[in-house]
Amino acid sequence: MRITDLRVCRVGRGRFACIVRLVTDSAVDAAFFRRAMAIHDEFVHVTVEVGRLSPPPYADTTVVA
């Protein structure tokens, strides 16, 4: 997983909104990351965008004989 963009804005006293964009090769969705961030009560709004990493072109090791 790699975070490609992170923005945090204060929306009140001790309250923040967060927008995070990440890429991963895992089969997890945005809800997974929102749940992980839920331990932080100071985030009153969280937007998560998940992109998928493509395997490199040499990742296929199929041998044709």
Foldseek 3Di string as FASTA:
>chain_A
DAWPDWDWDDPDVLAIAIETEEEEQDPDAPVVVVVVVVVRPRYPHYHYHYHYDDDPPPPDPDDDD
